[in-house]
């Protein structure tokens, strides 16, 4: 499948036809957008939009009213191929703040190596309880420098209500967690998502990230998923491209804080 066709499949399955990504969340198709609304700690935001120069500003205003009434932070997940071309500028003018852009990468599961192992002294362990999620939160905060409280609650919610929808993995060096990653399954689609994958700075360059990708690719293959999708940072993008992922564009989170 060529990149343009694959991007169209991704847009349809993962954005236009998206389903809620956690318990209690609701996906709606209204005002020219597909949006998800959930609890305060959930991911709230716009997944897809089909707008033009005449409809964009009204749609932005409608989402500001919707999420503003709830008093929650929300994200407009803007992709480089979304229209109109100046949608990012319109979002900034409406008070959204862009986060660093990430690269949308996709790979056929069957094309990825599932044999890479972690370096000596490091083992990969599944996370199935609150104590493990607390370790994941700790790694997340140390690697990315952001508060992991909302991530912690989202993961606990899914483990409690829908544990089959994700797999969370820690790389442990003895009793020290050195990397955390998760694999999120999207029922009804051909895509599973790789998220996290953050490795402590002093443990980078040893093949842990590559082993995490291989481990999750193996698990996705066992579930019958055709593709793996990643929103990659500048740091992980070159590694993933060497492993066989194809770049389909960029995605930029535009955040809006409640007043």
C-alpha atoms as a PDB file:
ATOM      1  CA  UNK A   1       0.000   0.000   0.000  1.00  0.00           C
ATOM      2  CA  UNK A   2       1.433   3.391  -0.988  1.00  0.00           C
ATOM      3  CA  UNK A   3       1.801   6.130   1.620  1.00  0.00           C
ATOM      4  CA  UNK A   4      -1.105   8.252   0.373  1.00  0.00           C
ATOM      5  CA  UNK A   5      -3.520   5.321   0.487  1.00  0.00           C
ATOM      6  CA  UNK A   6      -2.228   4.236   3.895  1.00  0.00           C
ATOM      7  CA  UNK A   7      -2.749   7.763   5.237  1.00  0.00           C
ATOM      8  CA  UNK A   8      -6.341   7.695   3.966  1.00  0.00           C
ATOM      9  CA  UNK A   9      -6.924   4.367   5.748  1.00  0.00           C
ATOM     10  CA  UNK A  10      -5.428   5.786   8.940  1.00  0.00           C
ATOM     11  CA  UNK A  11      -7.612   8.903   8.727  1.00  0.00           C
ATOM     12  CA  UNK A  12     -10.755   6.844   8.255  1.00  0.00           C
ATOM     13  CA  UNK A  13     -10.147   4.167  10.872  1.00  0.00           C
ATOM     14  CA  UNK A  14      -8.336   6.099  13.584  1.00  0.00           C
ATOM     15  CA  UNK A  15      -9.821   9.569  13.236  1.00  0.00           C
ATOM     16  CA  UNK A  16     -13.160   9.816  11.381  1.00  0.00           C
ATOM     17  CA  UNK A  17     -14.450   6.477  12.716  1.00  0.00           C
ATOM     18  CA  UNK A  18     -12.701   6.738  16.099  1.00  0.00           C
ATOM     19  CA  UNK A  19     -14.176   5.052  19.160  1.00  0.00           C
ATOM     20  CA  UNK A  20     -13.671   6.175  22.780  1.00  0.00           C
ATOM     21  CA  UNK A  21     -10.199   5.399  24.113  1.00  0.00           C
ATOM     22  CA  UNK A  22     -11.204   4.891  27.737  1.00  0.00           C
ATOM     23  CA  UNK A  23     -14.089   4.148  30.100  1.00  0.00           C
ATOM     24  CA  UNK A  24     -16.662   6.899  30.342  1.00  0.00           C
ATOM     25  CA  UNK A  25     -15.418   8.775  27.268  1.00  0.00           C
ATOM     26  CA  UNK A  26     -17.819   9.697  24.441  1.00  0.00           C
ATOM     27  CA  UNK A  27     -16.985  10.336  20.778  1.00  0.00           C
ATOM     28  CA  UNK A  28     -19.270  12.726  18.887  1.00  0.00           C
ATOM     29  CA  UNK A  29     -19.460  13.885  15.274  1.00  0.00           C
ATOM     30  CA  UNK A  30     -20.717  17.454  15.263  1.00  0.00           C
ATOM     31  CA  UNK A  31     -19.886  20.883  13.790  1.00  0.00           C
ATOM     32  CA  UNK A  32     -17.572  19.351  11.187  1.00  0.00           C
ATOM     33  CA  UNK A  33     -15.324  17.630  13.728  1.00  0.00           C
ATOM     34  CA  UNK A  34     -14.934  14.336  15.541  1.00  0.00           C
ATOM     35  CA  UNK A  35     -14.298  14.993  19.217  1.00  0.00           C
ATOM     36  CA  UNK A  36     -13.871  12.981  22.395  1.00  0.00           C
ATOM     37  CA  UNK A  37     -15.212  14.126  25.752  1.00  0.00           C
ATOM     38  CA  UNK A  38     -14.408  12.400  29.018  1.00  0.00           C
ATOM     39  CA  UNK A  39     -13.499  12.931  32.645  1.00  0.00           C
ATOM     40  CA  UNK A  40     -11.142  15.712  33.677  1.00  0.00           C
ATOM     41  CA  UNK A  41      -8.146  13.335  33.669  1.00  0.00           C
ATOM     42  CA  UNK A  42      -9.141  11.749  30.330  1.00  0.00           C
ATOM     43  CA  UNK A  43      -7.939  12.813  26.889  1.00  0.00           C
ATOM     44  CA  UNK A  44     -10.388  15.475  25.715  1.00  0.00           C
ATOM     45  CA  UNK A  45     -10.151  16.952  22.273  1.00  0.00           C
ATOM     46  CA  UNK A  46     -10.652  16.989  18.513  1.00  0.00           C
ATOM     47  CA  UNK A  47      -9.497  13.902  16.617  1.00  0.00           C
ATOM     48  CA  UNK A  48     -10.510  14.866  13.081  1.00  0.00           C
ATOM     49  CA  UNK A  49     -11.975  17.802  11.221  1.00  0.00           C
ATOM     50  CA  UNK A  50     -13.396  18.289   7.753  1.00  0.00           C
ATOM     51  CA  UNK A  51     -13.316  22.073   7.463  1.00  0.00           C
ATOM     52  CA  UNK A  52     -12.626  24.816   4.959  1.00  0.00           C
ATOM     53  CA  UNK A  53     -12.003  28.563   5.028  1.00  0.00           C
ATOM     54  CA  UNK A  54     -15.707  29.299   5.503  1.00  0.00           C
ATOM     55  CA  UNK A  55     -16.452  26.769   8.272  1.00  0.00           C
ATOM     56  CA  UNK A  56     -13.220  26.603  10.317  1.00  0.00           C
ATOM     57  CA  UNK A  57     -13.700  29.575  12.641  1.00  0.00           C
ATOM     58  CA  UNK A  58     -17.250  28.604  13.563  1.00  0.00           C
ATOM     59  CA  UNK A  59     -16.152  25.028  14.298  1.00  0.00           C
ATOM     60  CA  UNK A  60     -13.311  26.270  16.506  1.00  0.00           C
ATOM     61  CA  UNK A  61     -15.716  28.529  18.407  1.00  0.00           C
ATOM     62  CA  UNK A  62     -18.144  25.628  18.886  1.00  0.00           C
ATOM     63  CA  UNK A  63     -15.427  23.462  20.465  1.00  0.00           C
ATOM     64  CA  UNK A  64     -14.353  26.291  22.733  1.00  0.00           C
ATOM     65  CA  UNK A  65     -17.930  26.581  23.966  1.00  0.00           C
ATOM     66  CA  UNK A  66     -18.331  22.838  24.408  1.00  0.00           C
ATOM     67  CA  UNK A  67     -15.155  22.157  26.376  1.00  0.00           C
ATOM     68  CA  UNK A  68     -15.254  25.563  28.063  1.00  0.00           C
ATOM     69  CA  UNK A  69     -18.622  24.713  29.597  1.00  0.00           C
ATOM     70  CA  UNK A  70     -17.016  21.588  31.078  1.00  0.00           C
ATOM     71  CA  UNK A  71     -13.999  23.495  32.381  1.00  0.00           C
ATOM     72  CA  UNK A  72     -11.468  20.986  31.029  1.00  0.00           C
ATOM     73  CA  UNK A  73      -8.233  21.282  29.108  1.00  0.00           C
ATOM     74  CA  UNK A  74      -8.596  19.959  25.579  1.00  0.00           C
ATOM     75  CA  UNK A  75      -6.418  19.299  22.562  1.00  0.00           C
ATOM     76  CA  UNK A  76      -7.021  19.906  18.888  1.00  0.00           C
ATOM     77  CA  UNK A  77      -4.897  17.207  17.255  1.00  0.00           C
ATOM     78  CA  UNK A  78      -3.853  18.871  14.011  1.00  0.00           C
ATOM     79  CA  UNK A  79      -2.238  16.864  11.197  1.00  0.00           C
ATOM     80  CA  UNK A  80      -0.098  18.379   8.474  1.00  0.00           C
ATOM     81  CA  UNK A  81      -2.597  17.412   5.754  1.00  0.00           C
ATOM     82  CA  UNK A  82      -5.638  18.874   7.542  1.00  0.00           C
ATOM     83  CA  UNK A  83      -7.474  21.761   5.921  1.00  0.00           C
ATOM     84  CA  UNK A  84      -7.750  24.657   5.637  1.00  0.00           C
ATOM     85  CA  UNK A  85      -4.006  25.173   5.302  1.00  0.00           C
ATOM     86  CA  UNK A  86      -4.030  27.974   7.880  1.00  0.00           C
ATOM     87  CA  UNK A  87      -5.945  25.970  10.515  1.00  0.00           C
ATOM     88  CA  UNK A  88      -2.983  26.118  12.890  1.00  0.00           C
ATOM     89  CA  UNK A  89      -2.917  29.900  12.682  1.00  0.00           C
ATOM     90  CA  UNK A  90      -6.645  30.072  13.331  1.00  0.00           C
ATOM     91  CA  UNK A  91      -6.234  27.877  16.404  1.00  0.00           C
ATOM     92  CA  UNK A  92      -3.452  30.088  17.754  1.00  0.00           C
ATOM     93  CA  UNK A  93      -5.607  33.166  17.181  1.00  0.00           C
ATOM     94  CA  UNK A  94      -8.360  31.475  19.215  1.00  0.00           C
ATOM     95  CA  UNK A  95      -6.042  30.961  22.189  1.00  0.00           C
ATOM     96  CA  UNK A  96      -4.629  27.481  21.544  1.00  0.00           C
ATOM     97  CA  UNK A  97      -0.959  26.873  22.322  1.00  0.00           C
ATOM     98  CA  UNK A  98       0.942  24.436  20.058  1.00  0.00           C
ATOM     99  CA  UNK A  99       3.134  21.743  21.566  1.00  0.00           C
ATOM    100  CA  UNK A 100       6.167  20.431  19.623  1.00  0.00           C
ATOM    101  CA  UNK A 101       5.190  18.652  16.411  1.00  0.00           C
ATOM    102  CA  UNK A 102       5.539  14.874  16.226  1.00  0.00           C
ATOM    103  CA  UNK A 103       5.977  12.629  13.190  1.00  0.00           C
ATOM    104  CA  UNK A 104       3.204  10.211  12.258  1.00  0.00           C
ATOM    105  CA  UNK A 105       4.915   6.889  11.519  1.00  0.00           C
ATOM    106  CA  UNK A 106       3.258   3.633  10.455  1.00  0.00           C
ATOM    107  CA  UNK A 107       4.713   0.185   9.765  1.00  0.00           C
ATOM    108  CA  UNK A 108       3.213  -3.142   8.681  1.00  0.00           C
ATOM    109  CA  UNK A 109       3.553  -5.456  11.670  1.00  0.00           C
ATOM    110  CA  UNK A 110       4.754  -8.314   9.479  1.00  0.00           C
ATOM    111  CA  UNK A 111       7.696  -6.197   8.251  1.00  0.00           C
ATOM    112  CA  UNK A 112       9.063  -5.507  11.735  1.00  0.00           C
ATOM    113  CA  UNK A 113      11.619  -7.573  13.597  1.00  0.00           C
ATOM    114  CA  UNK A 114      10.235  -9.195  16.730  1.00  0.00           C
ATOM    115  CA  UNK A 115      13.533 -10.749  17.804  1.00  0.00           C
ATOM    116  CA  UNK A 116      15.402  -7.843  19.432  1.00  0.00           C
ATOM    117  CA  UNK A 117      16.133  -8.519  23.108  1.00  0.00           C
ATOM    118  CA  UNK A 118      17.057  -6.057  25.868  1.00  0.00           C
ATOM    119  CA  UNK A 119      20.707  -5.780  26.936  1.00  0.00           C
ATOM    120  CA  UNK A 120      22.131  -7.996  29.637  1.00  0.00           C
ATOM    121  CA  UNK A 121      20.816  -7.240  33.086  1.00  0.00           C
ATOM    122  CA  UNK A 122      17.590  -5.697  31.764  1.00  0.00           C
ATOM    123  CA  UNK A 123      14.284  -7.562  31.652  1.00  0.00           C
ATOM    124  CA  UNK A 124      10.881  -6.598  30.261  1.00  0.00           C
ATOM    125  CA  UNK A 125       7.989  -7.091  32.671  1.00  0.00           C
ATOM    126  CA  UNK A 126       4.227  -6.586  32.219  1.00  0.00           C
ATOM    127  CA  UNK A 127       2.434  -4.038  34.379  1.00  0.00           C
ATOM    128  CA  UNK A 128      -0.863  -5.242  35.805  1.00  0.00           C
ATOM    129  CA  UNK A 129      -1.382  -3.379  39.079  1.00  0.00           C
ATOM    130  CA  UNK A 130      -1.262   0.026  40.735  1.00  0.00           C
ATOM    131  CA  UNK A 131       2.294  -0.417  42.007  1.00  0.00           C
ATOM    132  CA  UNK A 132       3.503  -0.996  38.451  1.00  0.00           C
ATOM    133  CA  UNK A 133       1.567   2.005  37.148  1.00  0.00           C
ATOM    134  CA  UNK A 134       3.239   4.135  39.818  1.00  0.00           C
ATOM    135  CA  UNK A 135       6.621   3.065  38.409  1.00  0.00           C
ATOM    136  CA  UNK A 136       5.432   3.954  34.896  1.00  0.00           C
ATOM    137  CA  UNK A 137       4.393   7.395  36.135  1.00  0.00           C
ATOM    138  CA  UNK A 138       7.818   7.879  37.725  1.00  0.00           C
ATOM    139  CA  UNK A 139       9.644   6.981  34.504  1.00  0.00           C
ATOM    140  CA  UNK A 140       7.333   9.225  32.473  1.00  0.00           C
ATOM    141  CA  UNK A 141       8.011  12.219  34.716  1.00  0.00           C
ATOM    142  CA  UNK A 142      11.765  11.677  34.753  1.00  0.00           C
ATOM    143  CA  UNK A 143      12.033  11.197  30.986  1.00  0.00           C
ATOM    144  CA  UNK A 144       9.570  13.792  29.702  1.00  0.00           C
ATOM    145  CA  UNK A 145       9.654  16.304  32.553  1.00  0.00           C
ATOM    146  CA  UNK A 146       5.864  16.558  32.755  1.00  0.00           C
ATOM    147  CA  UNK A 147       3.368  15.613  35.436  1.00  0.00           C
ATOM    148  CA  UNK A 148       2.179  12.028  34.986  1.00  0.00           C
ATOM    149  CA  UNK A 149      -0.836  12.134  37.313  1.00  0.00           C
ATOM    150  CA  UNK A 150      -3.457  12.179  34.560  1.00  0.00           C
ATOM    151  CA  UNK A 151      -1.669   9.420  32.636  1.00  0.00           C
ATOM    152  CA  UNK A 152      -1.560   7.352  35.827  1.00  0.00           C
ATOM    153  CA  UNK A 153      -5.319   7.683  36.335  1.00  0.00           C
ATOM    154  CA  UNK A 154      -6.112   6.912  32.692  1.00  0.00           C
ATOM    155  CA  UNK A 155      -4.041   3.732  32.814  1.00  0.00           C
ATOM    156  CA  UNK A 156      -5.599   2.649  36.109  1.00  0.00           C
ATOM    157  CA  UNK A 157      -9.081   3.225  34.637  1.00  0.00           C
ATOM    158  CA  UNK A 158      -8.339   1.052  31.622  1.00  0.00           C
ATOM    159  CA  UNK A 159      -6.712  -1.727  33.641  1.00  0.00           C
ATOM    160  CA  UNK A 160      -9.761  -1.805  35.895  1.00  0.00           C
ATOM    161  CA  UNK A 161     -12.471  -1.634  33.222  1.00  0.00           C
ATOM    162  CA  UNK A 162     -10.908  -2.852  29.956  1.00  0.00           C
ATOM    163  CA  UNK A 163      -7.542  -4.545  30.619  1.00  0.00           C
ATOM    164  CA  UNK A 164      -7.529  -6.226  27.192  1.00  0.00           C
ATOM    165  CA  UNK A 165      -7.346  -2.833  25.461  1.00  0.00           C
ATOM    166  CA  UNK A 166      -3.717  -2.181  26.337  1.00  0.00           C
ATOM    167  CA  UNK A 167      -0.443  -3.716  27.420  1.00  0.00           C
ATOM    168  CA  UNK A 168       1.926  -1.750  29.656  1.00  0.00           C
ATOM    169  CA  UNK A 169       5.569  -2.797  29.897  1.00  0.00           C
ATOM    170  CA  UNK A 170       8.493  -1.769  32.088  1.00  0.00           C
ATOM    171  CA  UNK A 171      12.167  -2.390  31.397  1.00  0.00           C
ATOM    172  CA  UNK A 172      13.772  -3.195  34.751  1.00  0.00           C
ATOM    173  CA  UNK A 173      17.477  -3.152  35.597  1.00  0.00           C
ATOM    174  CA  UNK A 174      17.403  -5.062  38.856  1.00  0.00           C
ATOM    175  CA  UNK A 175      14.734  -3.249  40.859  1.00  0.00           C
ATOM    176  CA  UNK A 176      15.117   0.028  38.938  1.00  0.00           C
ATOM    177  CA  UNK A 177      12.641   0.917  36.163  1.00  0.00           C
ATOM    178  CA  UNK A 178      14.615   2.370  33.245  1.00  0.00           C
ATOM    179  CA  UNK A 179      12.020   2.494  30.453  1.00  0.00           C
ATOM    180  CA  UNK A 180       8.226   2.428  30.232  1.00  0.00           C
ATOM    181  CA  UNK A 181       6.049   1.826  27.193  1.00  0.00           C
ATOM    182  CA  UNK A 182       2.582   0.719  26.256  1.00  0.00           C
ATOM    183  CA  UNK A 183       0.729  -0.882  23.358  1.00  0.00           C
ATOM    184  CA  UNK A 184      -2.845   0.292  22.820  1.00  0.00           C
ATOM    185  CA  UNK A 185      -5.263  -1.803  20.785  1.00  0.00           C
ATOM    186  CA  UNK A 186      -7.976  -0.181  18.686  1.00  0.00           C
ATOM    187  CA  UNK A 187     -10.804  -2.711  18.164  1.00  0.00           C
ATOM    188  CA  UNK A 188     -12.436  -2.582  14.761  1.00  0.00           C
ATOM    189  CA  UNK A 189      -9.308  -1.158  13.124  1.00  0.00           C
ATOM    190  CA  UNK A 190      -6.109  -2.536  11.629  1.00  0.00           C
ATOM    191  CA  UNK A 191      -3.967  -0.305  13.865  1.00  0.00           C
ATOM    192  CA  UNK A 192      -2.362  -0.736  17.250  1.00  0.00           C
ATOM    193  CA  UNK A 193      -0.537   2.234  18.777  1.00  0.00           C
ATOM    194  CA  UNK A 194       2.896   2.451  20.362  1.00  0.00           C
ATOM    195  CA  UNK A 195       2.979   5.021  23.171  1.00  0.00           C
ATOM    196  CA  UNK A 196       5.486   6.034  25.804  1.00  0.00           C
ATOM    197  CA  UNK A 197       8.776   4.319  25.081  1.00  0.00           C
ATOM    198  CA  UNK A 198      10.649   6.756  27.314  1.00  0.00           C
ATOM    199  CA  UNK A 199      14.092   5.601  28.481  1.00  0.00           C
ATOM    200  CA  UNK A 200      16.085   7.237  31.273  1.00  0.00           C
ATOM    201  CA  UNK A 201      18.933   9.291  29.804  1.00  0.00           C
ATOM    202  CA  UNK A 202      21.699   7.212  31.369  1.00  0.00           C
ATOM    203  CA  UNK A 203      20.261   4.009  29.841  1.00  0.00           C
ATOM    204  CA  UNK A 204      19.875   5.222  26.258  1.00  0.00           C
ATOM    205  CA  UNK A 205      21.935   3.815  23.398  1.00  0.00           C
ATOM    206  CA  UNK A 206      21.850   0.245  24.724  1.00  0.00           C
ATOM    207  CA  UNK A 207      19.027  -1.158  22.623  1.00  0.00           C
ATOM    208  CA  UNK A 208      16.253  -0.963  25.222  1.00  0.00           C
ATOM    209  CA  UNK A 209      13.937   1.119  23.044  1.00  0.00           C
ATOM    210  CA  UNK A 210      14.471  -1.219  20.080  1.00  0.00           C
ATOM    211  CA  UNK A 211      13.687  -4.218  22.292  1.00  0.00           C
ATOM    212  CA  UNK A 212      10.509  -2.513  23.504  1.00  0.00           C
ATOM    213  CA  UNK A 213       9.364  -1.977  19.901  1.00  0.00           C
ATOM    214  CA  UNK A 214      10.091  -5.594  18.963  1.00  0.00           C
ATOM    215  CA  UNK A 215       8.287  -6.891  22.043  1.00  0.00           C
ATOM    216  CA  UNK A 216       5.166  -4.864  21.317  1.00  0.00           C
ATOM    217  CA  UNK A 217       5.260  -5.736  17.594  1.00  0.00           C
ATOM    218  CA  UNK A 218       5.212  -9.400  18.579  1.00  0.00           C
ATOM    219  CA  UNK A 219       2.185  -8.862  20.823  1.00  0.00           C
ATOM    220  CA  UNK A 220       0.345  -6.883  18.117  1.00  0.00           C
ATOM    221  CA  UNK A 221       0.991  -9.682  15.619  1.00  0.00           C
ATOM    222  CA  UNK A 222      -0.446 -12.205  18.059  1.00  0.00           C
ATOM    223  CA  UNK A 223      -3.652 -10.133  18.230  1.00  0.00           C
ATOM    224  CA  UNK A 224      -3.887  -9.987  14.427  1.00  0.00           C
ATOM    225  CA  UNK A 225      -3.227  -6.256  13.969  1.00  0.00           C
ATOM    226  CA  UNK A 226      -1.858  -5.247  10.576  1.00  0.00           C
ATOM    227  CA  UNK A 227      -0.147  -1.932  11.385  1.00  0.00           C
ATOM    228  CA  UNK A 228       1.665  -0.204  14.219  1.00  0.00           C
ATOM    229  CA  UNK A 229       1.296   3.574  14.536  1.00  0.00           C
ATOM    230  CA  UNK A 230       3.532   5.992  16.442  1.00  0.00           C
ATOM    231  CA  UNK A 231       3.489   9.741  17.059  1.00  0.00           C
ATOM    232  CA  UNK A 232       7.263  10.000  17.204  1.00  0.00           C
ATOM    233  CA  UNK A 233       9.493  12.603  18.803  1.00  0.00           C
ATOM    234  CA  UNK A 234      12.604  13.844  17.027  1.00  0.00           C
ATOM    235  CA  UNK A 235      14.601  11.486  19.240  1.00  0.00           C
ATOM    236  CA  UNK A 236      12.695   8.297  18.416  1.00  0.00           C
ATOM    237  CA  UNK A 237      11.907   9.045  14.757  1.00  0.00           C
ATOM    238  CA  UNK A 238      15.306   8.018  13.295  1.00  0.00           C
ATOM    239  CA  UNK A 239      15.316   4.772  15.300  1.00  0.00           C
ATOM    240  CA  UNK A 240      11.832   3.859  14.139  1.00  0.00           C
ATOM    241  CA  UNK A 241      12.564   4.686  10.511  1.00  0.00           C
ATOM    242  CA  UNK A 242      15.592   2.385  10.640  1.00  0.00           C
ATOM    243  CA  UNK A 243      13.314  -0.346  11.981  1.00  0.00           C
ATOM    244  CA  UNK A 244      10.959  -0.009   8.996  1.00  0.00           C
ATOM    245  CA  UNK A 245       8.411   2.669   9.917  1.00  0.00           C
ATOM    246  CA  UNK A 246       7.239   5.011   7.142  1.00  0.00           C
ATOM    247  CA  UNK A 247       6.660   8.724   7.652  1.00  0.00           C
ATOM    248  CA  UNK A 248       3.150   9.839   6.701  1.00  0.00           C
ATOM    249  CA  UNK A 249       3.207  13.423   7.963  1.00  0.00           C
ATOM    250  CA  UNK A 250       3.308  15.352  11.212  1.00  0.00           C
ATOM    251  CA  UNK A 251       0.835  15.932  14.009  1.00  0.00           C
ATOM    252  CA  UNK A 252       0.826  18.904  16.353  1.00  0.00           C
ATOM    253  CA  UNK A 253      -1.115  19.057  19.633  1.00  0.00           C
ATOM    254  CA  UNK A 254      -2.828  22.424  20.055  1.00  0.00           C
ATOM    255  CA  UNK A 255      -3.815  22.793  23.713  1.00  0.00           C
ATOM    256  CA  UNK A 256      -6.464  25.033  25.223  1.00  0.00           C
ATOM    257  CA  UNK A 257      -6.614  25.592  28.958  1.00  0.00           C
ATOM    258  CA  UNK A 258      -9.906  26.241  30.772  1.00  0.00           C
ATOM    259  CA  UNK A 259     -10.419  29.736  32.099  1.00  0.00           C
END
